[in-house]
């Protein structure tokens, strides 16, 4: 698999913009398996290994692009400030938003998606890698559009199995994710509301 295989996940027309980001901030991008707790992350250099970014391989192209901007902003912040600033503090927030402005000005997103990105990342003081109903709808990720059953569609207390094979009992929502209990280990996991449900189980 070529090192730049991740580029096939990008939004159509975003290649030139992304290339400019990486030219200014060269950092390896690694595709990751599906993770329920996050879309991507930035790994600082350690044990002789260079810094790199990981991104879930199965994200929607728009989510992939936003996550890439999110993590490159972390890389730039780390290069400039090291550990002297908070990971999602104002320095990172300004960097990330500047990159999203470039995305919006490029015209590669349609109007509905652009409006959702503005609402999610520019109208709120605290921003991270969360999602919103407006953005999900714009991306066609609601059940009505996609036909896919997701954790958010299930009632509290429902027993379900995710694509990875683990079976959970859905708990209450804390901030952005649901606290779900692993049926086998009883361990509590923070599950993304858009995690795809493989099957529901009737007790």
N, C-alpha and C. Protein backbone atom coordinates (compact mmCIF):
# COMPACT_ATOMS: atom_id res chain seq x y z
N UNK A 1 0.84 -1.19 0.00
CA UNK A 1 0.00 0.00 0.00
C UNK A 1 0.88 1.25 0.00
N UNK A 2 0.69 2.17 -0.94
CA UNK A 2 1.52 3.37 -0.98
C UNK A 2 1.33 4.24 0.27
N UNK A 3 2.38 4.99 0.62
CA UNK A 3 2.34 5.79 1.84
C UNK A 3 1.25 6.85 1.80
N UNK A 4 0.89 7.32 0.60
CA UNK A 4 -0.11 8.39 0.51
C UNK A 4 -1.49 7.85 0.15
N UNK A 5 -1.76 6.58 0.48
CA UNK A 5 -3.04 5.96 0.17
C UNK A 5 -4.20 6.72 0.82
N UNK A 6 -3.92 7.38 1.94
CA UNK A 6 -4.96 8.14 2.65
C UNK A 6 -5.55 9.24 1.78
N UNK A 7 -4.83 9.69 0.75
CA UNK A 7 -5.32 10.78 -0.09
C UNK A 7 -6.59 10.40 -0.84
N UNK A 8 -6.85 9.10 -1.00
CA UNK A 8 -8.07 8.66 -1.67
C UNK A 8 -9.30 8.96 -0.82
N UNK A 9 -9.11 9.30 0.46
CA UNK A 9 -10.23 9.58 1.37
C UNK A 9 -10.64 11.06 1.33
N UNK A 10 -9.90 11.89 0.61
CA UNK A 10 -10.15 13.32 0.64
C UNK A 10 -11.38 13.75 -0.14
N UNK A 11 -11.93 14.90 0.24
CA UNK A 11 -13.01 15.52 -0.52
C UNK A 11 -12.48 15.87 -1.91
N UNK A 12 -13.29 15.62 -2.92
CA UNK A 12 -12.89 15.94 -4.29
C UNK A 12 -12.56 17.43 -4.40
N UNK A 13 -11.42 17.72 -4.97
CA UNK A 13 -11.02 19.11 -5.16
C UNK A 13 -10.19 19.70 -4.03
N UNK A 14 -9.93 18.90 -2.99
CA UNK A 14 -9.20 19.43 -1.84
C UNK A 14 -7.70 19.11 -1.88
N UNK A 15 -7.26 18.37 -2.88
CA UNK A 15 -5.88 17.93 -2.93
C UNK A 15 -4.86 19.05 -2.90
N UNK A 16 -5.10 20.11 -3.67
CA UNK A 16 -4.15 21.22 -3.73
C UNK A 16 -4.05 21.93 -2.38
N UNK A 17 -5.18 22.13 -1.73
CA UNK A 17 -5.19 22.79 -0.42
C UNK A 17 -4.45 21.94 0.60
N UNK A 18 -4.75 20.64 0.64
CA UNK A 18 -4.09 19.76 1.59
C UNK A 18 -2.59 19.70 1.34
N UNK A 19 -2.20 19.68 0.07
CA UNK A 19 -0.77 19.67 -0.26
C UNK A 19 -0.07 20.92 0.28
N UNK A 20 -0.76 22.06 0.21
CA UNK A 20 -0.17 23.30 0.73
C UNK A 20 -0.01 23.22 2.25
N UNK A 21 -0.97 22.59 2.93
CA UNK A 21 -0.86 22.42 4.39
C UNK A 21 0.37 21.59 4.73
N UNK A 22 0.54 20.48 4.01
CA UNK A 22 1.62 19.56 4.33
C UNK A 22 2.97 20.08 3.86
N UNK A 23 2.97 20.92 2.85
CA UNK A 23 4.22 21.54 2.43
C UNK A 23 4.74 22.46 3.54
N UNK A 24 3.81 23.19 4.16
CA UNK A 24 4.18 24.09 5.25
C UNK A 24 4.39 23.34 6.56
N UNK A 25 3.70 22.21 6.72
CA UNK A 25 3.78 21.43 7.96
C UNK A 25 3.91 19.95 7.64
N UNK A 26 5.09 19.51 7.19
CA UNK A 26 5.25 18.11 6.80
C UNK A 26 5.15 17.16 7.99
N UNK A 27 4.16 16.29 7.94
CA UNK A 27 3.95 15.31 9.00
C UNK A 27 3.30 14.07 8.37
N UNK A 28 3.76 12.87 8.69
CA UNK A 28 3.17 11.65 8.12
C UNK A 28 1.72 11.46 8.54
N UNK A 29 0.90 10.94 7.61
CA UNK A 29 -0.50 10.63 7.89
C UNK A 29 -0.68 9.13 7.81
N UNK A 30 -1.27 8.54 8.84
CA UNK A 30 -1.47 7.10 8.90
C UNK A 30 -2.95 6.80 9.06
N UNK A 31 -3.47 5.90 8.21
CA UNK A 31 -4.86 5.47 8.35
C UNK A 31 -4.99 4.51 9.51
N UNK A 32 -6.03 4.69 10.31
CA UNK A 32 -6.25 3.85 11.48
C UNK A 32 -7.53 3.04 11.32
N UNK A 33 -7.64 1.97 12.08
CA UNK A 33 -8.90 1.24 12.15
C UNK A 33 -9.95 2.12 12.81
N UNK A 34 -11.20 1.71 12.71
CA UNK A 34 -12.28 2.47 13.32
C UNK A 34 -12.10 2.56 14.83
N UNK A 35 -12.20 3.79 15.36
CA UNK A 35 -12.14 4.00 16.80
C UNK A 35 -13.39 4.72 17.24
N UNK A 36 -14.04 4.20 18.26
CA UNK A 36 -15.30 4.78 18.71
C UNK A 36 -15.10 6.09 19.45
N UNK A 37 -13.92 6.25 20.06
CA UNK A 37 -13.72 7.39 20.94
C UNK A 37 -13.19 8.63 20.23
N UNK A 38 -12.67 8.47 19.01
CA UNK A 38 -12.09 9.62 18.31
C UNK A 38 -11.99 9.37 16.82
N UNK A 39 -11.91 10.46 16.05
CA UNK A 39 -11.74 10.39 14.60
C UNK A 39 -10.27 10.34 14.22
N UNK A 40 -9.41 10.93 15.03
CA UNK A 40 -7.99 10.97 14.72
C UNK A 40 -7.21 11.47 15.91
N UNK A 41 -5.89 11.47 15.79
CA UNK A 41 -5.07 12.06 16.84
C UNK A 41 -3.70 12.44 16.30
N UNK A 42 -3.00 13.27 17.07
CA UNK A 42 -1.64 13.67 16.76
C UNK A 42 -0.72 13.04 17.78
N UNK A 43 0.29 12.33 17.32
CA UNK A 43 1.24 11.67 18.20
C UNK A 43 2.56 12.44 18.20
N UNK A 44 2.97 12.88 19.37
CA UNK A 44 4.24 13.61 19.47
C UNK A 44 5.40 12.62 19.32
N UNK A 45 6.59 13.10 18.94
CA UNK A 45 7.74 12.21 18.82
C UNK A 45 8.08 11.56 20.17
N UNK A 46 8.40 10.27 20.13
CA UNK A 46 8.83 9.59 21.35
C UNK A 46 9.59 8.32 21.00
N UNK A 47 10.52 7.97 21.84
CA UNK A 47 11.33 6.76 21.68
C UNK A 47 11.97 6.68 20.30
N UNK A 48 12.40 7.84 19.80
CA UNK A 48 13.08 7.87 18.51
C UNK A 48 12.17 7.90 17.30
N UNK A 49 10.85 7.82 17.53
CA UNK A 49 9.89 7.85 16.43
C UNK A 49 9.45 9.29 16.15
N UNK A 50 9.26 9.65 14.87
CA UNK A 50 8.86 11.03 14.55
C UNK A 50 7.40 11.28 14.89
N UNK A 51 7.00 12.54 14.89
CA UNK A 51 5.59 12.89 15.07
C UNK A 51 4.80 12.38 13.88
N UNK A 52 3.54 12.01 14.12
CA UNK A 52 2.67 11.60 13.02
C UNK A 52 1.21 11.76 13.42
N UNK A 53 0.35 11.70 12.41
CA UNK A 53 -1.09 11.86 12.60
C UNK A 53 -1.79 10.57 12.20
N UNK A 54 -2.78 10.16 12.98
CA UNK A 54 -3.62 9.02 12.58
C UNK A 54 -5.04 9.51 12.36
N UNK A 55 -5.72 8.93 11.36
CA UNK A 55 -7.11 9.26 11.06
C UNK A 55 -7.86 7.97 10.75
N UNK A 56 -9.06 7.84 11.31
CA UNK A 56 -9.87 6.65 11.04
C UNK A 56 -10.10 6.49 9.54
N UNK A 57 -9.97 5.28 9.06
CA UNK A 57 -10.01 5.02 7.62
C UNK A 57 -11.40 5.14 7.01
N UNK A 58 -12.45 5.07 7.84
CA UNK A 58 -13.81 4.97 7.31
C UNK A 58 -14.63 6.25 7.48
N UNK A 59 -13.98 7.38 7.69
CA UNK A 59 -14.72 8.63 7.85
C UNK A 59 -15.30 9.12 6.52
N UNK A 60 -16.40 9.85 6.60
CA UNK A 60 -16.92 10.55 5.43
C UNK A 60 -15.83 11.52 4.96
N UNK A 61 -15.67 11.73 3.63
CA UNK A 61 -14.61 12.61 3.13
C UNK A 61 -14.57 13.99 3.79
N UNK A 62 -15.72 14.57 4.08
CA UNK A 62 -15.73 15.88 4.75
C UNK A 62 -15.20 15.74 6.18
N UNK A 63 -15.63 14.71 6.88
CA UNK A 63 -15.11 14.47 8.24
C UNK A 63 -13.61 14.21 8.20
N UNK A 64 -13.16 13.49 7.17
CA UNK A 64 -11.74 13.20 7.03
C UNK A 64 -10.96 14.50 6.87
N UNK A 65 -11.45 15.40 6.01
CA UNK A 65 -10.77 16.66 5.76
C UNK A 65 -10.74 17.53 7.02
N UNK A 66 -11.87 17.59 7.73
CA UNK A 66 -11.93 18.39 8.96
C UNK A 66 -11.01 17.81 10.03
N UNK A 67 -11.00 16.48 10.14
CA UNK A 67 -10.12 15.83 11.12
C UNK A 67 -8.66 16.06 10.77
N UNK A 68 -8.33 16.02 9.49
CA UNK A 68 -6.96 16.29 9.06
C UNK A 68 -6.55 17.70 9.45
N UNK A 69 -7.42 18.68 9.20
CA UNK A 69 -7.13 20.06 9.60
C UNK A 69 -6.96 20.16 11.11
N UNK A 70 -7.84 19.49 11.84
CA UNK A 70 -7.80 19.47 13.31
C UNK A 70 -6.44 19.00 13.80
N UNK A 71 -5.96 17.88 13.23
CA UNK A 71 -4.71 17.29 13.72
C UNK A 71 -3.47 18.05 13.23
N UNK A 72 -3.51 18.57 12.01
CA UNK A 72 -2.38 19.39 11.54
C UNK A 72 -2.26 20.65 12.40
N UNK A 73 -3.40 21.19 12.82
CA UNK A 73 -3.38 22.35 13.73
C UNK A 73 -2.69 21.98 15.04
N UNK A 74 -2.94 20.75 15.54
CA UNK A 74 -2.23 20.28 16.74
C UNK A 74 -0.72 20.20 16.49
N UNK A 75 -0.35 19.67 15.32
CA UNK A 75 1.06 19.55 14.98
C UNK A 75 1.73 20.93 14.94
N UNK A 76 1.06 21.88 14.28
CA UNK A 76 1.61 23.23 14.21
C UNK A 76 1.73 23.86 15.59
N UNK A 77 0.73 23.64 16.42
CA UNK A 77 0.74 24.17 17.78
C UNK A 77 1.90 23.58 18.58
N UNK A 78 2.09 22.28 18.42
CA UNK A 78 3.18 21.61 19.14
C UNK A 78 4.54 22.12 18.67
N UNK A 79 4.69 22.32 17.35
CA UNK A 79 5.96 22.83 16.83
C UNK A 79 6.26 24.23 17.36
N UNK A 80 5.21 25.02 17.52
CA UNK A 80 5.39 26.42 17.92
C UNK A 80 5.52 26.59 19.43
N UNK A 81 4.71 25.82 20.19
CA UNK A 81 4.65 26.06 21.64
C UNK A 81 5.09 24.86 22.50
N UNK A 82 5.23 23.70 21.89
CA UNK A 82 5.52 22.52 22.70
C UNK A 82 4.36 22.22 23.64
N UNK A 83 4.66 21.97 24.88
CA UNK A 83 3.62 21.64 25.87
C UNK A 83 3.20 22.85 26.71
N UNK A 84 3.55 24.04 26.25
CA UNK A 84 3.28 25.25 27.04
C UNK A 84 1.84 25.73 26.94
N UNK A 85 1.05 25.18 26.02
CA UNK A 85 -0.33 25.62 25.87
C UNK A 85 -1.27 24.41 25.93
N UNK A 86 -2.53 24.68 26.22
CA UNK A 86 -3.53 23.60 26.30
C UNK A 86 -3.80 23.04 24.90
N UNK A 87 -4.05 21.72 24.78
CA UNK A 87 -4.27 21.09 23.47
C UNK A 87 -5.37 21.75 22.65
N UNK A 88 -6.48 22.13 23.30
CA UNK A 88 -7.59 22.77 22.59
C UNK A 88 -7.80 24.20 23.07
N UNK A 89 -6.71 24.83 23.44
CA UNK A 89 -6.77 26.21 23.90
C UNK A 89 -6.91 27.19 22.74
N UNK A 90 -6.87 28.50 23.03
CA UNK A 90 -7.09 29.51 22.00
C UNK A 90 -6.07 29.47 20.87
N UNK A 91 -4.83 29.08 21.15
CA UNK A 91 -3.81 29.02 20.10
C UNK A 91 -4.18 27.97 19.05
N UNK A 92 -4.54 26.77 19.55
CA UNK A 92 -4.97 25.71 18.62
C UNK A 92 -6.25 26.11 17.91
N UNK A 93 -7.20 26.67 18.66
CA UNK A 93 -8.50 27.03 18.10
C UNK A 93 -8.34 28.01 16.95
N UNK A 94 -7.48 29.00 17.10
CA UNK A 94 -7.26 29.98 16.04
C UNK A 94 -6.62 29.33 14.81
N UNK A 95 -5.67 28.45 15.04
CA UNK A 95 -5.00 27.75 13.92
C UNK A 95 -6.00 26.90 13.15
N UNK A 96 -6.80 26.13 13.87
CA UNK A 96 -7.77 25.24 13.25
C UNK A 96 -8.80 26.04 12.46
N UNK A 97 -9.29 27.11 13.04
CA UNK A 97 -10.30 27.92 12.36
C UNK A 97 -9.73 28.58 11.10
N UNK A 98 -8.47 29.00 11.14
CA UNK A 98 -7.86 29.58 9.94
C UNK A 98 -7.82 28.55 8.80
N UNK A 99 -7.56 27.30 9.15
CA UNK A 99 -7.54 26.25 8.13
C UNK A 99 -8.94 25.97 7.60
N UNK A 100 -9.93 26.01 8.47
CA UNK A 100 -11.31 25.80 8.02
C UNK A 100 -11.78 26.95 7.13
N UNK A 101 -11.31 28.15 7.42
CA UNK A 101 -11.63 29.29 6.56
C UNK A 101 -11.10 29.04 5.15
N UNK A 102 -9.90 28.47 5.06
CA UNK A 102 -9.34 28.13 3.76
C UNK A 102 -10.20 27.10 3.04
N UNK A 103 -10.70 26.13 3.80
CA UNK A 103 -11.58 25.11 3.21
C UNK A 103 -12.85 25.76 2.66
N UNK A 104 -13.45 26.62 3.47
CA UNK A 104 -14.70 27.27 3.06
C UNK A 104 -14.49 28.16 1.85
N UNK A 105 -13.39 28.95 1.86
CA UNK A 105 -13.13 29.84 0.74
C UNK A 105 -12.78 29.10 -0.54
N UNK A 106 -12.31 27.87 -0.42
CA UNK A 106 -11.95 27.09 -1.61
C UNK A 106 -13.18 26.69 -2.43
N UNK A 107 -14.36 26.70 -1.78
CA UNK A 107 -15.59 26.37 -2.48
C UNK A 107 -15.80 24.89 -2.74
N UNK A 108 -15.06 24.01 -2.06
CA UNK A 108 -15.19 22.56 -2.32
C UNK A 108 -16.35 21.94 -1.56
N UNK A 109 -16.90 22.66 -0.58
CA UNK A 109 -18.05 22.14 0.18
C UNK A 109 -19.33 22.77 -0.35
N UNK A 110 -20.42 22.01 -0.34
CA UNK A 110 -21.68 22.60 -0.78
C UNK A 110 -22.24 23.51 0.31
N UNK A 111 -23.27 24.26 -0.02
CA UNK A 111 -23.78 25.30 0.88
C UNK A 111 -24.27 24.74 2.21
N UNK A 112 -24.98 23.62 2.17
CA UNK A 112 -25.52 23.05 3.40
C UNK A 112 -24.41 22.59 4.33
N UNK A 113 -23.39 21.95 3.77
CA UNK A 113 -22.27 21.48 4.59
C UNK A 113 -21.49 22.68 5.14
N UNK A 114 -21.28 23.70 4.31
CA UNK A 114 -20.58 24.90 4.76
C UNK A 114 -21.30 25.54 5.93
N UNK A 115 -22.62 25.66 5.83
CA UNK A 115 -23.41 26.26 6.91
C UNK A 115 -23.27 25.45 8.20
N UNK A 116 -23.24 24.12 8.07
CA UNK A 116 -23.11 23.26 9.24
C UNK A 116 -21.72 23.39 9.86
N UNK A 117 -20.68 23.51 9.04
CA UNK A 117 -19.31 23.68 9.53
C UNK A 117 -19.18 25.00 10.28
N UNK A 118 -19.76 26.06 9.73
CA UNK A 118 -19.73 27.37 10.39
C UNK A 118 -20.43 27.30 11.74
N UNK A 119 -21.59 26.65 11.78
CA UNK A 119 -22.35 26.54 13.02
C UNK A 119 -21.58 25.76 14.08
N UNK A 120 -20.93 24.69 13.65
CA UNK A 120 -20.26 23.80 14.60
C UNK A 120 -18.93 24.33 15.09
N UNK A 121 -18.17 24.99 14.21
CA UNK A 121 -16.80 25.35 14.55
C UNK A 121 -16.54 26.86 14.72
N UNK A 122 -17.52 27.69 14.38
CA UNK A 122 -17.31 29.13 14.49
C UNK A 122 -18.32 29.82 15.41
N UNK A 123 -19.44 29.16 15.69
CA UNK A 123 -20.46 29.79 16.51
C UNK A 123 -20.39 29.36 17.97
N UNK A 124 -19.44 28.48 18.28
CA UNK A 124 -19.29 28.00 19.66
C UNK A 124 -17.89 28.31 20.17
N UNK A 125 -17.79 28.64 21.44
CA UNK A 125 -16.48 28.96 22.02
C UNK A 125 -15.63 27.72 22.14
N UNK A 126 -16.21 26.62 22.62
CA UNK A 126 -15.48 25.37 22.78
C UNK A 126 -15.71 24.50 21.56
N UNK A 127 -14.64 24.09 20.91
CA UNK A 127 -14.77 23.22 19.75
C UNK A 127 -13.78 22.08 19.87
N UNK A 128 -14.12 20.95 19.28
CA UNK A 128 -13.22 19.80 19.28
C UNK A 128 -13.47 19.01 18.03
N UNK A 129 -13.65 17.71 18.19
CA UNK A 129 -13.89 16.86 17.02
C UNK A 129 -15.32 16.33 17.04
N UNK A 130 -16.21 17.08 17.66
CA UNK A 130 -17.58 16.64 17.81
C UNK A 130 -18.37 16.68 16.52
N UNK A 131 -19.60 16.31 16.60
CA UNK A 131 -20.49 16.34 15.44
C UNK A 131 -21.77 17.04 15.85
N UNK A 132 -22.56 17.41 14.87
CA UNK A 132 -23.84 18.05 15.15
C UNK A 132 -24.89 17.44 14.24
N UNK A 133 -26.14 17.54 14.67
CA UNK A 133 -27.22 17.01 13.86
C UNK A 133 -27.25 17.70 12.50
N UNK A 134 -26.96 19.00 12.50
CA UNK A 134 -26.99 19.75 11.25
C UNK A 134 -25.92 19.24 10.28
N UNK A 135 -24.72 18.98 10.78
CA UNK A 135 -23.65 18.47 9.92
C UNK A 135 -23.95 17.04 9.47
N UNK A 136 -24.46 16.22 10.39
CA UNK A 136 -24.81 14.85 10.02
C UNK A 136 -25.85 14.82 8.91
N UNK A 137 -26.84 15.67 9.02
CA UNK A 137 -27.89 15.75 7.99
C UNK A 137 -27.29 16.20 6.67
N UNK A 138 -26.41 17.20 6.71
CA UNK A 138 -25.79 17.71 5.49
C UNK A 138 -24.94 16.64 4.81
N UNK A 139 -24.36 15.75 5.61
CA UNK A 139 -23.51 14.69 5.07
C UNK A 139 -24.30 13.42 4.73
N UNK A 140 -25.62 13.46 4.97
CA UNK A 140 -26.44 12.29 4.68
C UNK A 140 -26.22 11.16 5.65
N UNK A 141 -25.89 11.49 6.90
CA UNK A 141 -25.57 10.45 7.88
C UNK A 141 -26.73 10.14 8.82
N UNK A 142 -27.87 10.80 8.64
CA UNK A 142 -29.02 10.47 9.47
C UNK A 142 -29.60 9.15 9.00
N UNK A 143 -30.30 8.47 9.88
CA UNK A 143 -30.86 7.16 9.53
C UNK A 143 -31.85 7.29 8.39
N UNK A 144 -32.62 8.37 8.38
CA UNK A 144 -33.63 8.55 7.35
C UNK A 144 -33.00 8.61 5.96
N UNK A 145 -31.78 9.16 5.88
CA UNK A 145 -31.11 9.30 4.59
C UNK A 145 -30.28 8.07 4.25
N UNK A 146 -29.50 7.58 5.23
CA UNK A 146 -28.55 6.50 4.96
C UNK A 146 -29.12 5.11 5.14
N UNK A 147 -30.19 4.99 5.94
CA UNK A 147 -30.74 3.66 6.21
C UNK A 147 -29.91 2.89 7.22
N UNK A 148 -28.89 3.52 7.79
CA UNK A 148 -27.99 2.86 8.75
C UNK A 148 -28.46 3.14 10.17
N UNK A 149 -28.52 2.10 10.99
CA UNK A 149 -28.90 2.25 12.39
C UNK A 149 -27.66 2.63 13.20
N UNK A 150 -27.77 3.69 13.98
CA UNK A 150 -26.65 4.14 14.78
C UNK A 150 -27.03 4.18 16.26
N UNK A 151 -26.03 4.29 17.11
CA UNK A 151 -26.26 4.24 18.55
C UNK A 151 -27.25 5.31 18.98
N UNK A 152 -27.19 6.49 18.38
CA UNK A 152 -28.11 7.57 18.74
C UNK A 152 -29.56 7.21 18.48
N UNK A 153 -29.82 6.26 17.57
CA UNK A 153 -31.19 5.87 17.23
C UNK A 153 -31.80 4.92 18.26
N UNK A 154 -30.97 4.34 19.15
CA UNK A 154 -31.45 3.33 20.08
C UNK A 154 -31.94 3.95 21.38
N UNK A 155 -32.91 3.33 22.04
CA UNK A 155 -33.36 3.83 23.35
C UNK A 155 -32.36 3.45 24.43
N UNK A 156 -32.35 4.21 25.52
CA UNK A 156 -31.47 3.87 26.64
C UNK A 156 -31.82 2.50 27.18
N UNK A 157 -30.80 1.70 27.46
CA UNK A 157 -31.01 0.33 27.95
C UNK A 157 -30.99 -0.72 26.86
N UNK A 158 -30.95 -0.30 25.61
CA UNK A 158 -30.93 -1.24 24.49
C UNK A 158 -29.60 -2.00 24.46
N UNK A 159 -29.67 -3.27 24.07
CA UNK A 159 -28.47 -4.09 23.92
C UNK A 159 -28.15 -4.17 22.42
N UNK A 160 -26.90 -3.92 22.08
CA UNK A 160 -26.54 -3.85 20.67
C UNK A 160 -25.10 -4.29 20.45
N UNK A 161 -24.81 -4.67 19.21
CA UNK A 161 -23.46 -5.07 18.82
C UNK A 161 -22.96 -4.12 17.74
N UNK A 162 -21.72 -3.66 17.91
CA UNK A 162 -21.11 -2.78 16.93
C UNK A 162 -20.34 -3.59 15.89
N UNK A 163 -19.90 -2.92 14.84
CA UNK A 163 -19.21 -3.60 13.76
C UNK A 163 -17.96 -4.32 14.24
N UNK A 164 -17.32 -3.81 15.29
CA UNK A 164 -16.11 -4.45 15.81
C UNK A 164 -16.37 -5.76 16.54
N UNK A 165 -17.65 -6.05 16.82
CA UNK A 165 -18.00 -7.31 17.45
C UNK A 165 -18.37 -7.23 18.91
N UNK A 166 -18.06 -6.12 19.58
CA UNK A 166 -18.40 -5.98 21.00
C UNK A 166 -19.88 -5.69 21.18
N UNK A 167 -20.46 -6.23 22.25
CA UNK A 167 -21.87 -6.02 22.56
C UNK A 167 -21.98 -5.14 23.80
N UNK A 168 -22.87 -4.15 23.72
CA UNK A 168 -23.00 -3.17 24.80
C UNK A 168 -24.46 -3.01 25.22
N UNK A 169 -24.62 -2.38 26.38
CA UNK A 169 -25.92 -1.90 26.81
C UNK A 169 -25.82 -0.38 26.83
N UNK A 170 -26.72 0.28 26.12
CA UNK A 170 -26.65 1.73 26.00
C UNK A 170 -27.04 2.41 27.31
N UNK A 171 -26.18 3.35 27.72
CA UNK A 171 -26.45 4.13 28.92
C UNK A 171 -26.79 5.57 28.58
N UNK A 172 -26.66 6.44 29.56
CA UNK A 172 -27.04 7.84 29.35
C UNK A 172 -25.95 8.60 28.60
N UNK A 173 -26.33 9.71 28.04
CA UNK A 173 -25.40 10.53 27.28
C UNK A 173 -24.73 11.53 28.21
N UNK A 174 -23.40 11.59 28.11
CA UNK A 174 -22.61 12.57 28.85
C UNK A 174 -21.91 13.45 27.82
N UNK A 175 -22.29 14.70 27.78
CA UNK A 175 -21.77 15.64 26.77
C UNK A 175 -22.03 15.12 25.36
N UNK A 176 -21.01 14.58 24.68
CA UNK A 176 -21.17 14.23 23.27
C UNK A 176 -21.35 12.74 23.01
N UNK A 177 -20.99 11.89 23.99
CA UNK A 177 -21.02 10.45 23.77
C UNK A 177 -21.87 9.73 24.81
N UNK A 178 -22.25 8.49 24.47
CA UNK A 178 -23.04 7.67 25.37
C UNK A 178 -22.14 6.76 26.19
N UNK A 179 -22.46 6.64 27.47
CA UNK A 179 -21.74 5.73 28.35
C UNK A 179 -22.38 4.36 28.23
N UNK A 180 -21.67 3.41 27.62
CA UNK A 180 -22.23 2.09 27.34
C UNK A 180 -21.42 1.01 28.05
N UNK A 181 -22.13 0.03 28.58
CA UNK A 181 -21.49 -1.04 29.35
C UNK A 181 -21.23 -2.25 28.46
N UNK A 182 -19.98 -2.72 28.45
CA UNK A 182 -19.61 -3.93 27.72
C UNK A 182 -20.28 -5.12 28.41
N UNK A 183 -21.06 -5.89 27.67
CA UNK A 183 -21.81 -7.00 28.24
C UNK A 183 -20.89 -8.06 28.85
N UNK A 184 -19.73 -8.30 28.24
CA UNK A 184 -18.81 -9.34 28.71
C UNK A 184 -18.00 -8.89 29.93
N UNK A 185 -17.38 -7.71 29.84
CA UNK A 185 -16.47 -7.26 30.89
C UNK A 185 -17.09 -6.30 31.90
N UNK A 186 -18.27 -5.75 31.57
CA UNK A 186 -18.94 -4.72 32.37
C UNK A 186 -18.18 -3.40 32.37
N UNK A 187 -17.13 -3.31 31.57
CA UNK A 187 -16.36 -2.07 31.46
C UNK A 187 -17.20 -1.01 30.75
N UNK A 188 -17.08 0.25 31.20
CA UNK A 188 -17.84 1.34 30.60
C UNK A 188 -17.02 1.98 29.48
N UNK A 189 -17.65 2.10 28.32
CA UNK A 189 -17.02 2.73 27.17
C UNK A 189 -17.78 4.00 26.80
N UNK A 190 -17.05 4.96 26.26
CA UNK A 190 -17.66 6.18 25.74
C UNK A 190 -17.87 5.97 24.25
N UNK A 191 -19.13 5.82 23.83
CA UNK A 191 -19.45 5.43 22.45
C UNK A 191 -20.02 6.62 21.68
N UNK A 192 -19.47 6.85 20.51
CA UNK A 192 -19.90 7.96 19.66
C UNK A 192 -21.34 7.72 19.21
N UNK A 193 -22.19 8.75 19.21
CA UNK A 193 -23.59 8.58 18.81
C UNK A 193 -23.76 8.10 17.38
N UNK A 194 -22.76 8.33 16.52
CA UNK A 194 -22.88 7.92 15.12
C UNK A 194 -22.25 6.57 14.84
N UNK A 195 -21.80 5.87 15.89
CA UNK A 195 -21.25 4.53 15.69
C UNK A 195 -22.32 3.63 15.08
N UNK A 196 -21.94 2.89 14.03
CA UNK A 196 -22.91 2.07 13.31
C UNK A 196 -23.21 0.79 14.07
N UNK A 197 -24.49 0.49 14.24
CA UNK A 197 -24.93 -0.71 14.95
C UNK A 197 -25.05 -1.87 13.99
N UNK A 198 -24.35 -2.97 14.30
CA UNK A 198 -24.41 -4.16 13.44
C UNK A 198 -25.72 -4.89 13.65
N UNK A 199 -26.13 -5.03 14.92
CA UNK A 199 -27.41 -5.68 15.23
C UNK A 199 -27.86 -5.29 16.63
N UNK A 200 -29.16 -5.33 16.84
CA UNK A 200 -29.71 -5.14 18.18
C UNK A 200 -30.09 -6.51 18.72
N UNK A 201 -30.06 -6.65 20.05
CA UNK A 201 -30.30 -7.94 20.69
C UNK A 201 -31.49 -7.81 21.63
N UNK A 202 -32.44 -8.69 21.48
CA UNK A 202 -33.62 -8.71 22.34
C UNK A 202 -33.35 -9.67 23.49
N UNK A 203 -33.42 -9.16 24.70
CA UNK A 203 -33.16 -10.01 25.89
C UNK A 203 -34.34 -10.90 26.18
